[in-house]
PDB file of N, CA and C in Angstrom:
ATOM      1  N   MET A   1       0.864  -1.173   0.000  1.00  0.00           N
ATOM      2  CA  MET A   1       0.000   0.000   0.000  1.00  0.00           C
ATOM      3  C   MET A   1       0.902   1.225   0.000  1.00  0.00           C
ATOM      4  N   ILE A   2       0.693   2.101  -0.954  1.00  0.00           N
ATOM      5  CA  ILE A   2       1.534   3.288  -1.016  1.00  0.00           C
ATOM      6  C   ILE A   2       1.030   4.336  -0.028  1.00  0.00           C
ATOM      7  N   LEU A   3       1.869   5.278   0.307  1.00  0.00           N
ATOM      8  CA  LEU A   3       1.574   6.270   1.339  1.00  0.00           C
ATOM      9  C   LEU A   3       0.274   7.019   1.078  1.00  0.00           C
ATOM     10  N   LYS A   4       0.015   7.417  -0.165  1.00  0.00           N
ATOM     11  CA  LYS A   4      -1.213   8.184  -0.427  1.00  0.00           C
ATOM     12  C   LYS A   4      -2.454   7.338  -0.157  1.00  0.00           C
ATOM     13  N   HIS A   5      -2.381   6.021  -0.391  1.00  0.00           N
ATOM     14  CA  HIS A   5      -3.507   5.146  -0.089  1.00  0.00           C
ATOM     15  C   HIS A   5      -3.705   5.018   1.417  1.00  0.00           C
ATOM     16  N   LEU A   6      -2.609   4.904   2.137  1.00  0.00           N
ATOM     17  CA  LEU A   6      -2.658   4.817   3.586  1.00  0.00           C
ATOM     18  C   LEU A   6      -3.317   6.069   4.167  1.00  0.00           C
ATOM     19  N   ILE A   7      -2.900   7.223   3.694  1.00  0.00           N
ATOM     20  CA  ILE A   7      -3.462   8.492   4.160  1.00  0.00           C
ATOM     21  C   ILE A   7      -4.937   8.586   3.792  1.00  0.00           C
ATOM     22  N   GLU A   8      -5.293   8.212   2.560  1.00  0.00           N
ATOM     23  CA  GLU A   8      -6.689   8.271   2.123  1.00  0.00           C
ATOM     24  C   GLU A   8      -7.579   7.379   2.988  1.00  0.00           C
ATOM     25  N   GLY A   9      -7.138   6.165   3.257  1.00  0.00           N
ATOM     26  CA  GLY A   9      -7.926   5.241   4.057  1.00  0.00           C
ATOM     27  C   GLY A   9      -8.177   5.748   5.462  1.00  0.00           C
ATOM     28  N   TRP A  10      -7.134   6.242   6.118  1.00  0.00           N
ATOM     29  CA  TRP A  10      -7.301   6.762   7.475  1.00  0.00           C
ATOM     30  C   TRP A  10      -8.105   8.059   7.485  1.00  0.00           C
ATOM     31  N   LYS A  11      -7.914   8.904   6.484  1.00  0.00           N
ATOM     32  CA  LYS A  11      -8.707  10.138   6.398  1.00  0.00           C
ATOM     33  C   LYS A  11     -10.190   9.799   6.241  1.00  0.00           C
ATOM     34  N   ASN A  12     -10.487   8.840   5.362  1.00  0.00           N
ATOM     35  CA  ASN A  12     -11.882   8.447   5.147  1.00  0.00           C
ATOM     36  C   ASN A  12     -12.485   7.766   6.365  1.00  0.00           C
ATOM     37  N   HIS A  13     -11.647   7.166   7.186  1.00  0.00           N
ATOM     38  CA  HIS A  13     -12.136   6.538   8.415  1.00  0.00           C
ATOM     39  C   HIS A  13     -12.373   7.585   9.509  1.00  0.00           C
ATOM     40  N   LEU A  14     -11.405   8.481   9.686  1.00  0.00           N
ATOM     41  CA  LEU A  14     -11.477   9.445  10.785  1.00  0.00           C
ATOM     42  C   LEU A  14     -12.231  10.730  10.457  1.00  0.00           C
ATOM     43  N   LEU A  15     -12.063  11.236   9.240  1.00  0.00           N
ATOM     44  CA  LEU A  15     -12.671  12.513   8.837  1.00  0.00           C
ATOM     45  C   LEU A  15     -13.287  12.399   7.445  1.00  0.00           C
ATOM     46  N   PRO A  16     -14.328  11.581   7.294  1.00  0.00           N
ATOM     47  CA  PRO A  16     -14.887  11.396   5.950  1.00  0.00           C
ATOM     48  C   PRO A  16     -15.524  12.666   5.407  1.00  0.00           C
ATOM     49  N   ASN A  17     -15.358  12.866   4.128  1.00  0.00           N
ATOM     50  CA  ASN A  17     -15.992  13.976   3.423  1.00  0.00           C
ATOM     51  C   ASN A  17     -17.504  13.766   3.531  1.00  0.00           C
ATOM     52  N   GLU A  18     -18.250  14.796   3.921  1.00  0.00           N
ATOM     53  CA  GLU A  18     -19.702  14.660   4.105  1.00  0.00           C
ATOM     54  C   GLU A  18     -20.404  14.136   2.866  1.00  0.00           C
ATOM     55  N   VAL A  19     -19.982  14.569   1.700  1.00  0.00           N
ATOM     56  CA  VAL A  19     -20.607  14.155   0.449  1.00  0.00           C
ATOM     57  C   VAL A  19     -20.363  12.672   0.180  1.00  0.00           C
ATOM     58  N   GLU A  20     -19.184  12.176   0.512  1.00  0.00           N
ATOM     59  CA  GLU A  20     -18.808  10.792   0.219  1.00  0.00           C
ATOM     60  C   GLU A  20     -18.995   9.837   1.392  1.00  0.00           C
ATOM     61  N   ALA A  21     -19.399  10.314   2.554  1.00  0.00           N
ATOM     62  CA  ALA A  21     -19.458   9.490   3.764  1.00  0.00           C
ATOM     63  C   ALA A  21     -20.309   8.232   3.588  1.00  0.00           C
ATOM     64  N   LYS A  22     -21.477   8.353   2.988  1.00  0.00           N
ATOM     65  CA  LYS A  22     -22.349   7.190   2.801  1.00  0.00           C
ATOM     66  C   LYS A  22     -21.738   6.196   1.821  1.00  0.00           C
ATOM     67  N   ILE A  23     -21.125   6.706   0.774  1.00  0.00           N
ATOM     68  CA  ILE A  23     -20.461   5.837  -0.208  1.00  0.00           C
ATOM     69  C   ILE A  23     -19.303   5.105   0.455  1.00  0.00           C
ATOM     70  N   ILE A  24     -18.495   5.819   1.215  1.00  0.00           N
ATOM     71  CA  ILE A  24     -17.345   5.228   1.901  1.00  0.00           C
ATOM     72  C   ILE A  24     -17.816   4.103   2.824  1.00  0.00           C
ATOM     73  N   GLU A  25     -18.860   4.354   3.602  1.00  0.00           N
ATOM     74  CA  GLU A  25     -19.362   3.333   4.524  1.00  0.00           C
ATOM     75  C   GLU A  25     -19.899   2.117   3.787  1.00  0.00           C
ATOM     76  N   GLN A  26     -20.620   2.328   2.689  1.00  0.00           N
ATOM     77  CA  GLN A  26     -21.180   1.215   1.924  1.00  0.00           C
ATOM     78  C   GLN A  26     -20.077   0.365   1.286  1.00  0.00           C
ATOM     79  N   VAL A  27     -19.112   1.051   0.666  1.00  0.00           N
ATOM     80  CA  VAL A  27     -17.996   0.341   0.038  1.00  0.00           C
ATOM     81  C   VAL A  27     -17.210  -0.432   1.103  1.00  0.00           C
ATOM     82  N   SER A  28     -16.950   0.207   2.234  1.00  0.00           N
ATOM     83  CA  SER A  28     -16.207  -0.440   3.311  1.00  0.00           C
ATOM     84  C   SER A  28     -16.957  -1.668   3.837  1.00  0.00           C
ATOM     85  N   LYS A  29     -18.248  -1.546   4.005  1.00  0.00           N
ATOM     86  CA  LYS A  29     -19.059  -2.657   4.501  1.00  0.00           C
ATOM     87  C   LYS A  29     -18.996  -3.850   3.541  1.00  0.00           C
ATOM     88  N   GLU A  30     -19.125  -3.589   2.247  1.00  0.00           N
ATOM     89  CA  GLU A  30     -19.053  -4.658   1.247  1.00  0.00           C
ATOM     90  C   GLU A  30     -17.669  -5.311   1.230  1.00  0.00           C
ATOM     91  N   ARG A  31     -16.628  -4.471   1.271  1.00  0.00           N
ATOM     92  CA  ARG A  31     -15.262  -4.998   1.254  1.00  0.00           C
ATOM     93  C   ARG A  31     -14.961  -5.789   2.523  1.00  0.00           C
ATOM     94  N   MET A  32     -15.393  -5.269   3.678  1.00  0.00           N
ATOM     95  CA  MET A  32     -15.130  -5.946   4.947  1.00  0.00           C
ATOM     96  C   MET A  32     -15.809  -7.310   4.977  1.00  0.00           C
ATOM     97  N   SER A  33     -16.965  -7.404   4.373  1.00  0.00           N
ATOM     98  CA  SER A  33     -17.664  -8.686   4.285  1.00  0.00           C
ATOM     99  C   SER A  33     -16.825  -9.701   3.508  1.00  0.00           C
ATOM    100  N   ILE A  34     -16.216  -9.240   2.435  1.00  0.00           N
ATOM    101  CA  ILE A  34     -15.335 -10.103   1.637  1.00  0.00           C
ATOM    102  C   ILE A  34     -14.097 -10.483   2.450  1.00  0.00           C
ATOM    103  N   CYS A  35     -13.502  -9.502   3.105  1.00  0.00           N
ATOM    104  CA  CYS A  35     -12.300  -9.762   3.902  1.00  0.00           C
ATOM    105  C   CYS A  35     -12.586 -10.711   5.068  1.00  0.00           C
ATOM    106  N   ASP A  36     -13.759 -10.586   5.677  1.00  0.00           N
ATOM    107  CA  ASP A  36     -14.118 -11.451   6.798  1.00  0.00           C
ATOM    108  C   ASP A  36     -14.115 -12.929   6.415  1.00  0.00           C
ATOM    109  N   SER A  37     -14.384 -13.221   5.157  1.00  0.00           N
ATOM    110  CA  SER A  37     -14.418 -14.618   4.720  1.00  0.00           C
ATOM    111  C   SER A  37     -13.104 -15.073   4.065  1.00  0.00           C
ATOM    112  N   CYS A  38     -12.113 -14.201   4.044  1.00  0.00           N
ATOM    113  CA  CYS A  38     -10.833 -14.511   3.410  1.00  0.00           C
ATOM    114  C   CYS A  38      -9.901 -15.241   4.384  1.00  0.00           C
ATOM    115  N   SER A  39      -9.148 -16.187   3.859  1.00  0.00           N
ATOM    116  CA  SER A  39      -8.214 -16.941   4.700  1.00  0.00           C
ATOM    117  C   SER A  39      -7.057 -16.086   5.204  1.00  0.00           C
ATOM    118  N   TYR A  40      -6.815 -14.939   4.594  1.00  0.00           N
ATOM    119  CA  TYR A  40      -5.737 -14.054   5.032  1.00  0.00           C
ATOM    120  C   TYR A  40      -6.164 -13.094   6.150  1.00  0.00           C
ATOM    121  N   HIS A  41      -7.431 -13.109   6.531  1.00  0.00           N
ATOM    122  CA  HIS A  41      -7.899 -12.237   7.619  1.00  0.00           C
ATOM    123  C   HIS A  41      -7.171 -12.643   8.901  1.00  0.00           C
ATOM    124  N   SER A  42      -6.745 -11.682   9.673  1.00  0.00           N
ATOM    125  CA  SER A  42      -5.955 -11.950  10.880  1.00  0.00           C
ATOM    126  C   SER A  42      -6.693 -12.820  11.895  1.00  0.00           C
ATOM    127  N   LYS A  43      -8.014 -12.847  11.854  1.00  0.00           N
ATOM    128  CA  LYS A  43      -8.754 -13.681  12.810  1.00  0.00           C
ATOM    129  C   LYS A  43      -8.473 -15.170  12.582  1.00  0.00           C
ATOM    130  N   ASN A  44      -7.955 -15.508  11.409  1.00  0.00           N
ATOM    131  CA  ASN A  44      -7.637 -16.896  11.082  1.00  0.00           C
ATOM    132  C   ASN A  44      -6.183 -17.256  11.364  1.00  0.00           C
ATOM    133  N   HIS A  45      -5.431 -16.331  11.975  1.00  0.00           N
ATOM    134  CA  HIS A  45      -4.003 -16.534  12.226  1.00  0.00           C
ATOM    135  C   HIS A  45      -3.643 -16.083  13.633  1.00  0.00           C
ATOM    136  N   LYS A  46      -2.616 -16.676  14.163  1.00  0.00           N
ATOM    137  CA  LYS A  46      -2.098 -16.247  15.459  1.00  0.00           C
ATOM    138  C   LYS A  46      -1.221 -15.031  15.209  1.00  0.00           C
ATOM    139  N   THR A  47      -1.559 -13.911  15.817  1.00  0.00           N
ATOM    140  CA  THR A  47      -0.823 -12.671  15.596  1.00  0.00           C
ATOM    141  C   THR A  47      -0.837 -11.837  16.870  1.00  0.00           C
ATOM    142  N   ILE A  48       0.177 -11.004  17.045  1.00  0.00           N
ATOM    143  CA  ILE A  48       0.221 -10.152  18.230  1.00  0.00           C
ATOM    144  C   ILE A  48      -0.473  -8.807  17.986  1.00  0.00           C
ATOM    145  N   ARG A  49      -0.765  -8.501  16.738  1.00  0.00           N
ATOM    146  CA  ARG A  49      -1.451  -7.237  16.432  1.00  0.00           C
ATOM    147  C   ARG A  49      -2.893  -7.304  16.906  1.00  0.00           C
ATOM    148  N   PRO A  50      -3.370  -6.255  17.579  1.00  0.00           N
ATOM    149  CA  PRO A  50      -4.752  -6.275  18.083  1.00  0.00           C
ATOM    150  C   PRO A  50      -5.797  -5.896  17.037  1.00  0.00           C
ATOM    151  N   ASP A  51      -5.366  -5.312  15.929  1.00  0.00           N
ATOM    152  CA  ASP A  51      -6.312  -4.846  14.915  1.00  0.00           C
ATOM    153  C   ASP A  51      -6.646  -5.950  13.916  1.00  0.00           C
ATOM    154  N   ALA A  52      -7.816  -5.821  13.281  1.00  0.00           N
ATOM    155  CA  ALA A  52      -8.167  -6.715  12.181  1.00  0.00           C
ATOM    156  C   ALA A  52      -7.330  -6.271  10.986  1.00  0.00           C
ATOM    157  N   HIS A  53      -6.535  -7.186  10.447  1.00  0.00           N
ATOM    158  CA  HIS A  53      -5.644  -6.839   9.350  1.00  0.00           C
ATOM    159  C   HIS A  53      -5.486  -8.005   8.382  1.00  0.00           C
ATOM    160  N   CYS A  54      -4.941  -7.696   7.231  1.00  0.00           N
ATOM    161  CA  CYS A  54      -4.678  -8.698   6.207  1.00  0.00           C
ATOM    162  C   CYS A  54      -3.279  -9.253   6.441  1.00  0.00           C
ATOM    163  N   THR A  55      -3.185 -10.570   6.572  1.00  0.00           N
ATOM    164  CA  THR A  55      -1.863 -11.168   6.786  1.00  0.00           C
ATOM    165  C   THR A  55      -1.091 -11.304   5.477  1.00  0.00           C
ATOM    166  N   HIS A  56      -1.729 -11.037   4.350  1.00  0.00           N
ATOM    167  CA  HIS A  56      -1.039 -11.063   3.051  1.00  0.00           C
ATOM    168  C   HIS A  56      -0.302  -9.742   2.817  1.00  0.00           C
ATOM    169  N   CYS A  57      -1.021  -8.621   2.961  1.00  0.00           N
ATOM    170  CA  CYS A  57      -0.400  -7.315   2.684  1.00  0.00           C
ATOM    171  C   CYS A  57      -0.062  -6.529   3.944  1.00  0.00           C
ATOM    172  N   GLY A  58      -0.642  -6.908   5.081  1.00  0.00           N
ATOM    173  CA  GLY A  58      -0.337  -6.241   6.344  1.00  0.00           C
ATOM    174  C   GLY A  58      -1.189  -5.033   6.660  1.00  0.00           C
ATOM    175  N   CYS A  59      -2.105  -4.682   5.793  1.00  0.00           N
ATOM    176  CA  CYS A  59      -2.913  -3.485   5.997  1.00  0.00           C
ATOM    177  C   CYS A  59      -3.974  -3.664   7.080  1.00  0.00           C
ATOM    178  N   THR A  60      -4.218  -2.590   7.821  1.00  0.00           N
ATOM    179  CA  THR A  60      -5.308  -2.551   8.779  1.00  0.00           C
ATOM    180  C   THR A  60      -6.596  -2.430   7.980  1.00  0.00           C
ATOM    181  N   LEU A  61      -7.511  -3.368   8.175  1.00  0.00           N
ATOM    182  CA  LEU A  61      -8.696  -3.446   7.322  1.00  0.00           C
ATOM    183  C   LEU A  61      -9.653  -2.282   7.478  1.00  0.00           C
ATOM    184  N   ILE A  62      -9.753  -1.703   8.662  1.00  0.00           N
ATOM    185  CA  ILE A  62     -10.682  -0.592   8.852  1.00  0.00           C
ATOM    186  C   ILE A  62     -10.311   0.607   7.977  1.00  0.00           C
ATOM    187  N   ALA A  63      -9.026   0.780   7.704  1.00  0.00           N
ATOM    188  CA  ALA A  63      -8.580   1.876   6.834  1.00  0.00           C
ATOM    189  C   ALA A  63      -8.515   1.428   5.376  1.00  0.00           C
ATOM    190  N   LYS A  64      -7.976   0.234   5.141  1.00  0.00           N
ATOM    191  CA  LYS A  64      -7.813  -0.263   3.773  1.00  0.00           C
ATOM    192  C   LYS A  64      -9.160  -0.337   3.040  1.00  0.00           C
ATOM    193  N   THR A  65     -10.193  -0.793   3.735  1.00  0.00           N
ATOM    194  CA  THR A  65     -11.500  -0.942   3.084  1.00  0.00           C
ATOM    195  C   THR A  65     -12.173   0.403   2.823  1.00  0.00           C
ATOM    196  N   LYS A  66     -11.697   1.460   3.460  1.00  0.00           N
ATOM    197  CA  LYS A  66     -12.269   2.795   3.253  1.00  0.00           C
ATOM    198  C   LYS A  66     -11.479   3.638   2.268  1.00  0.00           C
ATOM    199  N   CYS A  67     -10.410   3.091   1.745  1.00  0.00           N
ATOM    200  CA  CYS A  67      -9.616   3.764   0.723  1.00  0.00           C
ATOM    201  C   CYS A  67     -10.264   3.460  -0.629  1.00  0.00           C
ATOM    202  N   LEU A  68     -10.947   4.434  -1.195  1.00  0.00           N
ATOM    203  CA  LEU A  68     -11.707   4.200  -2.420  1.00  0.00           C
ATOM    204  C   LEU A  68     -10.832   3.948  -3.639  1.00  0.00           C
ATOM    205  N   SER A  69      -9.567   4.358  -3.597  1.00  0.00           N
ATOM    206  CA  SER A  69      -8.681   4.120  -4.734  1.00  0.00           C
ATOM    207  C   SER A  69      -7.813   2.873  -4.535  1.00  0.00           C
ATOM    208  N   CYS A  70      -8.074   2.120  -3.468  1.00  0.00           N
ATOM    209  CA  CYS A  70      -7.314   0.896  -3.188  1.00  0.00           C
ATOM    210  C   CYS A  70      -8.014  -0.323  -3.767  1.00  0.00           C
ATOM    211  N   GLU A  71      -7.221  -1.393  -3.938  1.00  0.00           N
ATOM    212  CA  GLU A  71      -7.778  -2.678  -4.332  1.00  0.00           C
ATOM    213  C   GLU A  71      -7.091  -3.769  -3.536  1.00  0.00           C
ATOM    214  N   CYS A  72      -7.718  -4.920  -3.482  1.00  0.00           N
ATOM    215  CA  CYS A  72      -7.136  -6.073  -2.814  1.00  0.00           C
ATOM    216  C   CYS A  72      -5.880  -6.481  -3.599  1.00  0.00           C
ATOM    217  N   PRO A  73      -4.757  -6.723  -2.919  1.00  0.00           N
ATOM    218  CA  PRO A  73      -3.511  -7.025  -3.621  1.00  0.00           C
ATOM    219  C   PRO A  73      -3.351  -8.481  -4.066  1.00  0.00           C
ATOM    220  N   LEU A  74      -4.313  -9.332  -3.781  1.00  0.00           N
ATOM    221  CA  LEU A  74      -4.193 -10.729  -4.198  1.00  0.00           C
ATOM    222  C   LEU A  74      -4.201 -10.831  -5.715  1.00  0.00           C
ATOM    223  N   GLU A  75      -3.598 -11.891  -6.252  1.00  0.00           N
ATOM    224  CA  GLU A  75      -3.517 -12.052  -7.711  1.00  0.00           C
ATOM    225  C   GLU A  75      -4.893 -12.035  -8.365  1.00  0.00           C
ATOM    226  N   ASP A  76      -5.861 -12.643  -7.725  1.00  0.00           N
ATOM    227  CA  ASP A  76      -7.248 -12.611  -8.185  1.00  0.00           C
ATOM    228  C   ASP A  76      -7.985 -11.748  -7.164  1.00  0.00           C
ATOM    229  N   PRO A  77      -7.936 -10.415  -7.330  1.00  0.00           N
ATOM    230  CA  PRO A  77      -8.441  -9.546  -6.268  1.00  0.00           C
ATOM    231  C   PRO A  77      -9.898  -9.822  -5.906  1.00  0.00           C
ATOM    232  N   SER A  78     -10.122  -9.813  -4.602  1.00  0.00           N
ATOM    233  CA  SER A  78     -11.469  -9.993  -4.080  1.00  0.00           C
ATOM    234  C   SER A  78     -12.309  -8.744  -4.301  1.00  0.00           C
ATOM    235  N   TRP A  79     -11.652  -7.594  -4.295  1.00  0.00           N
ATOM    236  CA  TRP A  79     -12.334  -6.338  -4.583  1.00  0.00           C
ATOM    237  C   TRP A  79     -11.351  -5.374  -5.249  1.00  0.00           C
ATOM    238  N   THR A  80     -11.907  -4.487  -6.061  1.00  0.00           N
ATOM    239  CA  THR A  80     -11.088  -3.551  -6.831  1.00  0.00           C
ATOM    240  C   THR A  80     -11.356  -2.118  -6.381  1.00  0.00           C
ATOM    241  N   GLU A  81     -10.598  -1.210  -6.933  1.00  0.00           N
ATOM    242  CA  GLU A  81     -10.756   0.195  -6.566  1.00  0.00           C
ATOM    243  C   GLU A  81     -12.145   0.679  -6.961  1.00  0.00           C
ATOM    244  N   PHE A  82     -12.680   1.573  -6.148  1.00  0.00           N
ATOM    245  CA  PHE A  82     -13.991   2.150  -6.407  1.00  0.00           C
ATOM    246  C   PHE A  82     -13.852   3.378  -7.293  1.00  0.00           C
ATOM    247  N   LEU A  83     -12.800   4.127  -7.051  1.00  0.00           N
ATOM    248  CA  LEU A  83     -12.500   5.323  -7.834  1.00  0.00           C
ATOM    249  C   LEU A  83     -11.130   5.171  -8.458  1.00  0.00           C
ATOM    250  N   GLU A  84     -10.939   5.773  -9.580  1.00  0.00           N
ATOM    251  CA  GLU A  84      -9.607   5.748 -10.189  1.00  0.00           C
ATOM    252  C   GLU A  84      -8.716   6.736  -9.475  1.00  0.00           C
ATOM    253  N   ASN A  85      -7.413   6.456  -9.465  1.00  0.00           N
ATOM    254  CA  ASN A  85      -6.444   7.343  -8.793  1.00  0.00           C
ATOM    255  C   ASN A  85      -6.463   8.725  -9.384  1.00  0.00           C
TER     256      ASN A  85
END
């Protein structure tokens, strides 16, 4: 995940744009549902990190799923970017 994606995800989580807030929440909810059933979800692995994260890419899911220009990094992505960069 590049720095601008990291910043976008956390910004959308902590200070969502009023116009995009509903879209961000809907996209995040759909993506989180996909991540919850993925074998790379941290809940399926022993880890010391307290956050829900992807053990493949290491991203914190609460921010990654709210980054509208991000996509799942798996070879056959589970979800793609919502907006173009």
